[in-house]
Amino acid sequence: MQRIIAQSAMEYLMTYGWAFLVIAVVLGIFYQLGLFGSFTSTPKASSGSCTVFRQPAITSLVGQCAGLNPQFKLNFSQSPAGTVTANVVKSSSSQITVAFWIYPQDNGFYGNALNYWQAAVGGGSLAGACAGASYYFYIETGTNPPRESWSIASSRNFPVKNLVLNTWQQLVGTFDGSNLIVYYNGAQVGPTVAANGNVLGTYPKMTISGPADTAVAHGCNPVSGSLSNLQIYNTSLSAAEVQGLYREGLGGPPVQLQNLIGWWQLNGNLNDYSGNNQNGAAFNSIFYKPT
C-alpha cells in the first residue's frame, strides 16, 4: 500500500512539477520587474525610519532602510501654487545628480498649451526651479501624457519619453560637468547631450514644484500630482548607480552617502534626512495617505 502511495506521489510530481517550476519562474520575473512593489502592497515606512548619520570619521545609514514604501505622498495645489523651498549645502563641485519619484495626475492641465511647463525640482539663487535656476527638471505638459526635460543653465536634455499617469515612476538627471543624461526607471532615455560650455552655478536654494499658478502662468507651474524621495548629489551618478537606486524602490535610500547633499523623503514632513539638516518649508502643499 505504501509503495502504491509513493508511486502515485512520484507520478503527480512528474506530471505537475514542470508547471510549478514555470509558475515560480514567471513570479520571479514579475518580482524583478517590480510588479509586486506598488505603493499599496508594500509595508509602509514612518517618517525618518531611515536616515544618514554623519560624523567626521563615519557616514552611514541608520534605521530600516530597505523594502518599505513611504506612508504619505506630497501633493500640490494648482491655484494657489503649491511649492516647497529648502536650502542646500553649498558645494564647489561642477557635477550634480537629481533623483525623485513622480506620480502624475491629469488635473486638467495636460495638453493645455497655456500651461506647458511644470517645475518638478530646481536650484538657483532666486526662485530655484524658475528664474535664476542653475539646474531644473521640468515636466512638459503641452502634451498628454506629459514628458520630461532636464536642464543645466540654458542647455537641455529633452528625450521623448512619455510619463505614465497615475503611476509612480522615477526620474534622474545627471550632469558630469560636460554632459546631461536623463534616466527613466533606471534606464537612460535619449542621447547624452553636451552642455555647450554651460557650467553649474551656485544653488543655495532648492525648490520642489513650481511657484506660479497654473491659472495665470505658462511656465514654472506646480506639479500636477505627487512627488516622493528627492535626492540631490554633488556628483554625477553612474548608470549602474542609477539602476541600483531604481531597484531599491520608491522608499529606497541613497547610493552615494559621501556625495549626498540633500535627501527629502517627502513622507509626512519636509525634513532633510541626508544628515545636513536642510529642512524645507511648504506652501499650499499637503501630505496624505494613499488609499
C-alpha atoms as a PDB file:
ATOM      1  CA  MET A   1       0.000   0.000   0.000  1.00  0.00           C
ATOM      2  CA  GLN A   2       2.798   2.416   0.909  1.00  0.00           C
ATOM      3  CA  ARG A   3       4.533   1.582  -2.369  1.00  0.00           C
ATOM      4  CA  ILE A   4       1.393   2.446  -4.313  1.00  0.00           C
ATOM      5  CA  ILE A   5       1.041   5.788  -2.469  1.00  0.00           C
ATOM      6  CA  ALA A   6       4.686   6.646  -3.083  1.00  0.00           C
ATOM      7  CA  GLN A   7       4.378   5.718  -6.748  1.00  0.00           C
ATOM      8  CA  SER A   8       1.278   7.915  -7.088  1.00  0.00           C
ATOM      9  CA  ALA A   9       3.101  10.819  -5.435  1.00  0.00           C
ATOM     10  CA  MET A  10       6.029  10.470  -7.825  1.00  0.00           C
ATOM     11  CA  GLU A  11       3.693  10.357 -10.825  1.00  0.00           C
ATOM     12  CA  TYR A  12       1.968  13.525  -9.538  1.00  0.00           C
ATOM     13  CA  LEU A  13       5.287  15.341  -9.181  1.00  0.00           C
ATOM     14  CA  MET A  14       6.424  14.235 -12.637  1.00  0.00           C
ATOM     15  CA  THR A  15       3.127  15.376 -14.160  1.00  0.00           C
ATOM     16  CA  TYR A  16       2.791  18.767 -12.451  1.00  0.00           C
ATOM     17  CA  GLY A  17       6.360  19.583 -11.407  1.00  0.00           C
ATOM     18  CA  TRP A  18       7.163  21.415 -14.633  1.00  0.00           C
ATOM     19  CA  ALA A  19       4.018  23.507 -14.247  1.00  0.00           C
ATOM     20  CA  PHE A  20       5.032  24.513 -10.722  1.00  0.00           C
ATOM     21  CA  LEU A  21       8.531  25.379 -11.977  1.00  0.00           C
ATOM     22  CA  VAL A  22       7.175  27.550 -14.792  1.00  0.00           C
ATOM     23  CA  ILE A  23       4.886  29.401 -12.345  1.00  0.00           C
ATOM     24  CA  ALA A  24       7.803  30.001  -9.975  1.00  0.00           C
ATOM     25  CA  VAL A  25       9.959  31.394 -12.816  1.00  0.00           C
ATOM     26  CA  VAL A  26       7.163  33.713 -14.011  1.00  0.00           C
ATOM     27  CA  LEU A  27       6.577  35.013 -10.467  1.00  0.00           C
ATOM     28  CA  GLY A  28      10.308  35.644 -10.125  1.00  0.00           C
ATOM     29  CA  ILE A  29      10.333  37.658 -13.346  1.00  0.00           C
ATOM     30  CA  PHE A  30       7.347  39.726 -12.191  1.00  0.00           C
ATOM     31  CA  TYR A  31       9.139  40.427  -8.920  1.00  0.00           C
ATOM     32  CA  GLN A  32      12.286  41.569 -10.728  1.00  0.00           C
ATOM     33  CA  LEU A  33      10.161  43.895 -12.872  1.00  0.00           C
ATOM     34  CA  GLY A  34       8.713  45.470  -9.731  1.00  0.00           C
ATOM     35  CA  LEU A  35       5.136  44.433 -10.429  1.00  0.00           C
ATOM     36  CA  PHE A  36       4.714  43.438  -6.782  1.00  0.00           C
ATOM     37  CA  GLY A  37       6.199  46.689  -5.485  1.00  0.00           C
ATOM     38  CA  SER A  38       3.227  49.013  -5.712  1.00  0.00           C
ATOM     39  CA  PHE A  39       2.533  51.705  -3.164  1.00  0.00           C
ATOM     40  CA  THR A  40      -0.366  49.754  -1.671  1.00  0.00           C
ATOM     41  CA  SER A  41       1.176  46.279  -1.449  1.00  0.00           C
ATOM     42  CA  THR A  42       4.490  47.082   0.240  1.00  0.00           C
ATOM     43  CA  PRO A  43       4.853  47.679   4.009  1.00  0.00           C
ATOM     44  CA  LYS A  44       4.981  51.363   4.875  1.00  0.00           C
ATOM     45  CA  ALA A  45       7.837  53.279   6.496  1.00  0.00           C
ATOM     46  CA  SER A  46       7.240  56.042   9.028  1.00  0.00           C
ATOM     47  CA  SER A  47       8.888  59.425   8.576  1.00  0.00           C
ATOM     48  CA  GLY A  48      12.603  59.260   9.271  1.00  0.00           C
ATOM     49  CA  SER A  49      12.697  55.493   9.738  1.00  0.00           C
ATOM     50  CA  CYS A  50      15.900  55.623   7.679  1.00  0.00           C
ATOM     51  CA  THR A  51      18.383  58.488   7.906  1.00  0.00           C
ATOM     52  CA  VAL A  52      22.023  59.330   7.230  1.00  0.00           C
ATOM     53  CA  PHE A  53      24.305  59.515  10.254  1.00  0.00           C
ATOM     54  CA  ARG A  54      27.287  61.849   9.784  1.00  0.00           C
ATOM     55  CA  GLN A  55      30.384  62.092  11.935  1.00  0.00           C
ATOM     56  CA  PRO A  56      33.927  63.141  10.990  1.00  0.00           C
ATOM     57  CA  ALA A  57      35.062  59.523  10.827  1.00  0.00           C
ATOM     58  CA  ILE A  58      31.935  57.816   9.525  1.00  0.00           C
ATOM     59  CA  THR A  59      28.908  58.344   7.304  1.00  0.00           C
ATOM     60  CA  SER A  60      26.323  55.583   7.330  1.00  0.00           C
ATOM     61  CA  LEU A  61      22.646  54.762   7.067  1.00  0.00           C
ATOM     62  CA  VAL A  62      20.723  54.233  10.289  1.00  0.00           C
ATOM     63  CA  GLY A  63      17.328  52.594  10.714  1.00  0.00           C
ATOM     64  CA  GLN A  64      15.123  50.460   8.498  1.00  0.00           C
ATOM     65  CA  CYS A  65      16.263  51.361   5.001  1.00  0.00           C
ATOM     66  CA  ALA A  66      15.119  48.590   2.678  1.00  0.00           C
ATOM     67  CA  GLY A  67      11.890  47.029   1.480  1.00  0.00           C
ATOM     68  CA  LEU A  68       9.487  49.744   2.643  1.00  0.00           C
ATOM     69  CA  ASN A  69       7.419  52.406   0.916  1.00  0.00           C
ATOM     70  CA  PRO A  70       6.580  55.805   2.465  1.00  0.00           C
ATOM     71  CA  GLN A  71       3.339  56.174   4.387  1.00  0.00           C
ATOM     72  CA  PHE A  72       2.490  59.556   2.862  1.00  0.00           C
ATOM     73  CA  LYS A  73       2.655  61.287  -0.503  1.00  0.00           C
ATOM     74  CA  LEU A  74       3.076  65.031  -1.093  1.00  0.00           C
ATOM     75  CA  ASN A  75       0.506  66.640  -3.369  1.00  0.00           C
ATOM     76  CA  PHE A  76       0.493  70.206  -4.708  1.00  0.00           C
ATOM     77  CA  SER A  77      -2.248  72.771  -5.158  1.00  0.00           C
ATOM     78  CA  GLN A  78      -2.591  74.176  -8.665  1.00  0.00           C
ATOM     79  CA  SER A  79      -4.018  77.533  -7.626  1.00  0.00           C
ATOM     80  CA  PRO A  80      -2.716  78.938  -5.374  1.00  0.00           C
ATOM     81  CA  ALA A  81       0.503  77.317  -6.469  1.00  0.00           C
ATOM     82  CA  GLY A  82       1.851  74.509  -4.312  1.00  0.00           C
ATOM     83  CA  THR A  83       5.599  74.574  -3.750  1.00  0.00           C
ATOM     84  CA  VAL A  84       8.349  73.631  -1.270  1.00  0.00           C
ATOM     85  CA  THR A  85      11.598  75.513  -0.655  1.00  0.00           C
ATOM     86  CA  ALA A  86      14.750  74.496   1.187  1.00  0.00           C
ATOM     87  CA  ASN A  87      18.378  75.471   1.469  1.00  0.00           C
ATOM     88  CA  VAL A  88      21.036  73.170   0.063  1.00  0.00           C
ATOM     89  CA  VAL A  89      24.568  72.525   1.274  1.00  0.00           C
ATOM     90  CA  LYS A  90      26.883  74.653  -0.874  1.00  0.00           C
ATOM     91  CA  SER A  91      29.342  72.705  -2.975  1.00  0.00           C
ATOM     92  CA  SER A  92      32.227  73.594  -5.267  1.00  0.00           C
ATOM     93  CA  SER A  93      31.502  70.543  -7.408  1.00  0.00           C
ATOM     94  CA  SER A  94      30.743  71.095 -11.093  1.00  0.00           C
ATOM     95  CA  GLN A  95      28.595  67.954 -11.127  1.00  0.00           C
ATOM     96  CA  ILE A  96      25.122  67.147  -9.908  1.00  0.00           C
ATOM     97  CA  THR A  97      22.504  64.392  -9.819  1.00  0.00           C
ATOM     98  CA  VAL A  98      18.814  64.971  -9.092  1.00  0.00           C
ATOM     99  CA  ALA A  99      16.666  61.885  -8.469  1.00  0.00           C
ATOM    100  CA  PHE A 100      12.998  61.733  -7.482  1.00  0.00           C
ATOM    101  CA  TRP A 101       9.783  59.757  -7.904  1.00  0.00           C
ATOM    102  CA  ILE A 102       6.712  61.301  -9.501  1.00  0.00           C
ATOM    103  CA  TYR A 103       3.047  60.335  -9.646  1.00  0.00           C
ATOM    104  CA  PRO A 104       1.481  62.380 -12.491  1.00  0.00           C
ATOM    105  CA  GLN A 105      -2.224  63.101 -12.350  1.00  0.00           C
ATOM    106  CA  ASP A 106      -4.251  64.810 -15.033  1.00  0.00           C
ATOM    107  CA  ASN A 107      -5.848  67.735 -13.217  1.00  0.00           C
ATOM    108  CA  GLY A 108      -6.987  69.326 -16.450  1.00  0.00           C
ATOM    109  CA  PHE A 109      -3.656  70.945 -17.338  1.00  0.00           C
ATOM    110  CA  TYR A 110      -2.034  68.279 -19.515  1.00  0.00           C
ATOM    111  CA  GLY A 111      -2.329  69.163 -23.172  1.00  0.00           C
ATOM    112  CA  ASN A 112      -3.056  72.785 -22.236  1.00  0.00           C
ATOM    113  CA  ALA A 113      -0.813  74.999 -24.345  1.00  0.00           C
ATOM    114  CA  LEU A 114      -1.184  77.853 -21.835  1.00  0.00           C
ATOM    115  CA  ASN A 115       0.362  75.778 -19.025  1.00  0.00           C
ATOM    116  CA  TYR A 116       3.008  73.769 -20.802  1.00  0.00           C
ATOM    117  CA  TRP A 117       5.751  73.613 -18.137  1.00  0.00           C
ATOM    118  CA  GLN A 118       5.536  72.231 -14.628  1.00  0.00           C
ATOM    119  CA  ALA A 119       8.620  72.712 -12.446  1.00  0.00           C
ATOM    120  CA  ALA A 120       9.421  69.460 -10.619  1.00  0.00           C
ATOM    121  CA  VAL A 121      12.776  70.293  -8.979  1.00  0.00           C
ATOM    122  CA  GLY A 122      15.224  73.141  -9.466  1.00  0.00           C
ATOM    123  CA  GLY A 123      18.007  75.010  -7.746  1.00  0.00           C
ATOM    124  CA  GLY A 124      19.276  78.551  -8.067  1.00  0.00           C
ATOM    125  CA  SER A 125      19.908  81.829  -6.346  1.00  0.00           C
ATOM    126  CA  LEU A 126      16.385  83.143  -6.929  1.00  0.00           C
ATOM    127  CA  ALA A 127      13.248  81.082  -7.406  1.00  0.00           C
ATOM    128  CA  GLY A 128      15.022  77.778  -7.701  1.00  0.00           C
ATOM    129  CA  ALA A 129      13.061  75.990 -10.391  1.00  0.00           C
ATOM    130  CA  CYS A 130      12.406  79.149 -12.419  1.00  0.00           C
ATOM    131  CA  ALA A 131      14.272  82.450 -12.803  1.00  0.00           C
ATOM    132  CA  GLY A 132      17.937  82.275 -11.938  1.00  0.00           C
ATOM    133  CA  ALA A 133      17.977  78.475 -11.871  1.00  0.00           C
ATOM    134  CA  SER A 134      21.320  76.726 -12.046  1.00  0.00           C
ATOM    135  CA  TYR A 135      19.576  73.426 -12.814  1.00  0.00           C
ATOM    136  CA  TYR A 136      15.989  72.339 -13.205  1.00  0.00           C
ATOM    137  CA  PHE A 137      13.859  69.315 -14.001  1.00  0.00           C
ATOM    138  CA  TYR A 138      10.672  70.288 -15.811  1.00  0.00           C
ATOM    139  CA  ILE A 139       7.641  68.279 -16.883  1.00  0.00           C
ATOM    140  CA  GLU A 140       6.295  69.296 -20.284  1.00  0.00           C
ATOM    141  CA  THR A 141       2.520  69.318 -20.124  1.00  0.00           C
ATOM    142  CA  GLY A 142       1.692  70.743 -23.521  1.00  0.00           C
ATOM    143  CA  THR A 143       1.336  67.070 -24.440  1.00  0.00           C
ATOM    144  CA  ASN A 144      -0.817  64.400 -22.870  1.00  0.00           C
ATOM    145  CA  PRO A 145       0.711  62.268 -21.428  1.00  0.00           C
ATOM    146  CA  PRO A 146       3.457  64.621 -20.234  1.00  0.00           C
ATOM    147  CA  ARG A 147       7.204  64.329 -20.871  1.00  0.00           C
ATOM    148  CA  GLU A 148      10.357  65.421 -19.048  1.00  0.00           C
ATOM    149  CA  SER A 149      13.152  67.953 -19.551  1.00  0.00           C
ATOM    150  CA  TRP A 150      16.462  68.069 -17.630  1.00  0.00           C
ATOM    151  CA  SER A 151      18.453  71.303 -17.911  1.00  0.00           C
ATOM    152  CA  ILE A 152      21.668  72.898 -16.784  1.00  0.00           C
ATOM    153  CA  ALA A 153      21.764  76.668 -17.361  1.00  0.00           C
ATOM    154  CA  SER A 154      20.386  77.023 -20.910  1.00  0.00           C
ATOM    155  CA  SER A 155      21.328  73.529 -22.137  1.00  0.00           C
ATOM    156  CA  ARG A 156      18.605  70.904 -22.171  1.00  0.00           C
ATOM    157  CA  ASN A 157      18.277  67.151 -22.487  1.00  0.00           C
ATOM    158  CA  PHE A 158      14.723  66.573 -23.631  1.00  0.00           C
ATOM    159  CA  PRO A 159      14.210  62.902 -24.572  1.00  0.00           C
ATOM    160  CA  VAL A 160      10.797  62.000 -25.926  1.00  0.00           C
ATOM    161  CA  LYS A 161       9.680  59.748 -23.075  1.00  0.00           C
ATOM    162  CA  ASN A 162       6.042  59.821 -22.068  1.00  0.00           C
ATOM    163  CA  LEU A 163       5.273  59.568 -18.371  1.00  0.00           C
ATOM    164  CA  VAL A 164       2.544  57.183 -17.224  1.00  0.00           C
ATOM    165  CA  LEU A 165      -0.418  58.793 -15.482  1.00  0.00           C
ATOM    166  CA  ASN A 166      -1.476  57.556 -12.024  1.00  0.00           C
ATOM    167  CA  THR A 167       1.701  55.502 -11.577  1.00  0.00           C
ATOM    168  CA  TRP A 168       4.849  56.016  -9.517  1.00  0.00           C
ATOM    169  CA  GLN A 169       7.950  56.314 -11.713  1.00  0.00           C
ATOM    170  CA  GLN A 170      11.486  57.527 -11.141  1.00  0.00           C
ATOM    171  CA  LEU A 171      13.286  60.337 -12.973  1.00  0.00           C
ATOM    172  CA  VAL A 172      17.004  61.033 -12.631  1.00  0.00           C
ATOM    173  CA  GLY A 173      19.053  63.791 -14.233  1.00  0.00           C
ATOM    174  CA  THR A 174      22.857  63.828 -14.156  1.00  0.00           C
ATOM    175  CA  PHE A 175      25.428  66.439 -15.197  1.00  0.00           C
ATOM    176  CA  ASP A 176      29.105  65.440 -15.176  1.00  0.00           C
ATOM    177  CA  GLY A 177      30.474  68.911 -15.881  1.00  0.00           C
ATOM    178  CA  SER A 178      30.111  68.460 -19.632  1.00  0.00           C
ATOM    179  CA  ASN A 179      27.091  66.315 -20.470  1.00  0.00           C
ATOM    180  CA  LEU A 180      23.458  65.875 -19.485  1.00  0.00           C
ATOM    181  CA  ILE A 181      21.731  62.489 -19.173  1.00  0.00           C
ATOM    182  CA  VAL A 182      18.140  61.610 -18.286  1.00  0.00           C
ATOM    183  CA  TYR A 183      17.143  58.255 -16.770  1.00  0.00           C
ATOM    184  CA  TYR A 184      13.621  56.868 -16.516  1.00  0.00           C
ATOM    185  CA  ASN A 185      13.029  53.949 -14.146  1.00  0.00           C
ATOM    186  CA  GLY A 186      16.722  53.141 -14.045  1.00  0.00           C
ATOM    187  CA  ALA A 187      17.425  53.225 -17.786  1.00  0.00           C
ATOM    188  CA  GLN A 188      18.861  56.063 -19.884  1.00  0.00           C
ATOM    189  CA  VAL A 189      16.409  57.603 -22.335  1.00  0.00           C
ATOM    190  CA  GLY A 190      17.503  59.645 -25.304  1.00  0.00           C
ATOM    191  CA  PRO A 191      21.084  60.561 -26.118  1.00  0.00           C
ATOM    192  CA  THR A 192      23.729  62.140 -23.924  1.00  0.00           C
ATOM    193  CA  VAL A 193      23.621  65.891 -24.589  1.00  0.00           C
ATOM    194  CA  ALA A 194      26.615  68.233 -24.400  1.00  0.00           C
ATOM    195  CA  ALA A 195      26.068  71.307 -22.226  1.00  0.00           C
ATOM    196  CA  ASN A 196      27.561  73.681 -24.826  1.00  0.00           C
ATOM    197  CA  GLY A 197      30.049  75.229 -22.432  1.00  0.00           C
ATOM    198  CA  ASN A 198      27.470  75.942 -19.728  1.00  0.00           C
ATOM    199  CA  VAL A 199      28.507  75.252 -16.161  1.00  0.00           C
ATOM    200  CA  LEU A 200      26.721  74.527 -12.930  1.00  0.00           C
ATOM    201  CA  GLY A 201      26.320  77.712 -10.917  1.00  0.00           C
ATOM    202  CA  THR A 202      25.712  78.058  -7.197  1.00  0.00           C
ATOM    203  CA  TYR A 203      22.340  76.910  -5.924  1.00  0.00           C
ATOM    204  CA  PRO A 204      21.875  77.726  -2.222  1.00  0.00           C
ATOM    205  CA  LYS A 205      18.073  77.417  -2.605  1.00  0.00           C
ATOM    206  CA  MET A 206      16.167  74.397  -3.860  1.00  0.00           C
ATOM    207  CA  THR A 207      12.530  74.447  -4.992  1.00  0.00           C
ATOM    208  CA  ILE A 208      10.189  71.482  -5.344  1.00  0.00           C
ATOM    209  CA  SER A 209       7.232  72.108  -7.639  1.00  0.00           C
ATOM    210  CA  GLY A 210       6.504  75.490  -9.188  1.00  0.00           C
ATOM    211  CA  PRO A 211       5.659  78.799  -7.506  1.00  0.00           C
ATOM    212  CA  ALA A 212       3.429  80.120 -10.326  1.00  0.00           C
ATOM    213  CA  ASP A 213      -0.306  79.392 -10.521  1.00  0.00           C
ATOM    214  CA  THR A 214      -1.464  77.337 -13.468  1.00  0.00           C
ATOM    215  CA  ALA A 215      -4.390  79.733 -13.698  1.00  0.00           C
ATOM    216  CA  VAL A 216      -2.209  82.689 -14.631  1.00  0.00           C
ATOM    217  CA  ALA A 217       1.130  81.417 -15.961  1.00  0.00           C
ATOM    218  CA  HIS A 218       2.551  79.156 -18.646  1.00  0.00           C
ATOM    219  CA  GLY A 219       5.845  78.254 -17.036  1.00  0.00           C
ATOM    220  CA  CYS A 220       7.151  77.369 -13.563  1.00  0.00           C
ATOM    221  CA  ASN A 221       3.776  75.841 -12.718  1.00  0.00           C
ATOM    222  CA  PRO A 222       3.193  73.433  -9.809  1.00  0.00           C
ATOM    223  CA  VAL A 223       3.350  69.704 -10.432  1.00  0.00           C
ATOM    224  CA  SER A 224       0.038  68.025 -11.287  1.00  0.00           C
ATOM    225  CA  GLY A 225       0.286  65.065  -8.960  1.00  0.00           C
ATOM    226  CA  SER A 226       2.730  63.993  -6.265  1.00  0.00           C
ATOM    227  CA  LEU A 227       6.462  63.684  -5.639  1.00  0.00           C
ATOM    228  CA  SER A 228       8.468  61.447  -3.321  1.00  0.00           C
ATOM    229  CA  ASN A 229      12.030  60.580  -2.277  1.00  0.00           C
ATOM    230  CA  LEU A 230      14.017  63.507  -3.678  1.00  0.00           C
ATOM    231  CA  GLN A 231      17.795  63.014  -3.548  1.00  0.00           C
ATOM    232  CA  ILE A 232      20.464  65.507  -4.679  1.00  0.00           C
ATOM    233  CA  TYR A 233      24.149  64.637  -5.064  1.00  0.00           C
ATOM    234  CA  ASN A 234      27.169  66.816  -5.860  1.00  0.00           C
ATOM    235  CA  THR A 235      28.417  64.162  -8.269  1.00  0.00           C
ATOM    236  CA  SER A 236      27.203  62.533 -11.442  1.00  0.00           C
ATOM    237  CA  LEU A 237      25.942  59.051 -10.572  1.00  0.00           C
ATOM    238  CA  SER A 238      26.955  56.263 -12.937  1.00  0.00           C
ATOM    239  CA  ALA A 239      24.416  54.278 -14.956  1.00  0.00           C
ATOM    240  CA  ALA A 240      24.916  51.316 -12.596  1.00  0.00           C
ATOM    241  CA  GLU A 241      24.291  53.504  -9.542  1.00  0.00           C
ATOM    242  CA  VAL A 242      21.121  54.958 -11.077  1.00  0.00           C
ATOM    243  CA  GLN A 243      19.869  51.481 -11.869  1.00  0.00           C
ATOM    244  CA  GLY A 244      20.627  50.384  -8.312  1.00  0.00           C
ATOM    245  CA  LEU A 245      18.761  53.401  -6.964  1.00  0.00           C
ATOM    246  CA  TYR A 246      15.701  52.475  -9.009  1.00  0.00           C
ATOM    247  CA  ARG A 247      15.812  48.834  -7.894  1.00  0.00           C
ATOM    248  CA  GLU A 248      15.646  49.962  -4.271  1.00  0.00           C
ATOM    249  CA  GLY A 249      12.129  51.202  -4.980  1.00  0.00           C
ATOM    250  CA  LEU A 250      10.008  54.169  -4.046  1.00  0.00           C
ATOM    251  CA  GLY A 251      11.304  54.329  -0.484  1.00  0.00           C
ATOM    252  CA  GLY A 252      14.887  53.371  -1.303  1.00  0.00           C
ATOM    253  CA  PRO A 253      17.870  55.056   0.427  1.00  0.00           C
ATOM    254  CA  PRO A 254      20.689  56.982  -1.288  1.00  0.00           C
ATOM    255  CA  VAL A 255      23.512  55.109  -3.012  1.00  0.00           C
ATOM    256  CA  GLN A 256      26.374  57.618  -2.550  1.00  0.00           C
ATOM    257  CA  LEU A 257      26.348  58.902   1.016  1.00  0.00           C
ATOM    258  CA  GLN A 258      29.591  60.895   0.787  1.00  0.00           C
ATOM    259  CA  ASN A 259      28.253  62.940  -2.148  1.00  0.00           C
ATOM    260  CA  LEU A 260      24.679  63.236  -0.891  1.00  0.00           C
ATOM    261  CA  ILE A 261      23.833  66.871  -0.138  1.00  0.00           C
ATOM    262  CA  GLY A 262      20.070  66.581   0.325  1.00  0.00           C
ATOM    263  CA  TRP A 263      17.503  63.842   0.906  1.00  0.00           C
ATOM    264  CA  TRP A 264      13.888  64.866   1.279  1.00  0.00           C
ATOM    265  CA  GLN A 265      11.806  61.717   1.667  1.00  0.00           C
ATOM    266  CA  LEU A 266       8.595  63.802   1.481  1.00  0.00           C
ATOM    267  CA  ASN A 267       6.959  61.250   3.779  1.00  0.00           C
ATOM    268  CA  GLY A 268       4.792  63.223   6.162  1.00  0.00           C
ATOM    269  CA  ASN A 269       7.297  66.043   6.663  1.00  0.00           C
ATOM    270  CA  LEU A 270       9.862  68.149   4.793  1.00  0.00           C
ATOM    271  CA  ASN A 271      12.917  67.144   6.819  1.00  0.00           C
ATOM    272  CA  ASP A 272      16.257  66.622   5.132  1.00  0.00           C
ATOM    273  CA  TYR A 273      17.485  63.126   6.103  1.00  0.00           C
ATOM    274  CA  SER A 274      20.889  63.470   4.421  1.00  0.00           C
ATOM    275  CA  GLY A 275      22.437  64.461   7.749  1.00  0.00           C
ATOM    276  CA  ASN A 276      22.824  68.059   6.537  1.00  0.00           C
ATOM    277  CA  ASN A 277      19.572  69.257   8.183  1.00  0.00           C
ATOM    278  CA  GLN A 278      18.384  71.428   5.301  1.00  0.00           C
ATOM    279  CA  ASN A 279      14.688  71.119   6.186  1.00  0.00           C
ATOM    280  CA  GLY A 280      12.094  72.540   3.824  1.00  0.00           C
ATOM    281  CA  ALA A 281       9.038  74.770   4.099  1.00  0.00           C
ATOM    282  CA  ALA A 282       5.763  74.047   2.274  1.00  0.00           C
ATOM    283  CA  PHE A 283       3.278  76.431   0.679  1.00  0.00           C
ATOM    284  CA  ASN A 284      -0.134  75.110  -0.452  1.00  0.00           C
ATOM    285  CA  SER A 285       1.094  71.517  -0.354  1.00  0.00           C
ATOM    286  CA  ILE A 286      -0.397  68.639   1.609  1.00  0.00           C
ATOM    287  CA  PHE A 287       0.623  65.173   2.757  1.00  0.00           C
ATOM    288  CA  TYR A 288      -1.911  62.368   2.697  1.00  0.00           C
ATOM    289  CA  LYS A 289      -2.059  58.606   2.915  1.00  0.00           C
ATOM    290  CA  PRO A 290      -2.891  56.851  -0.333  1.00  0.00           C
ATOM    291  CA  THR A 291      -5.973  54.674  -0.218  1.00  0.00           C
END
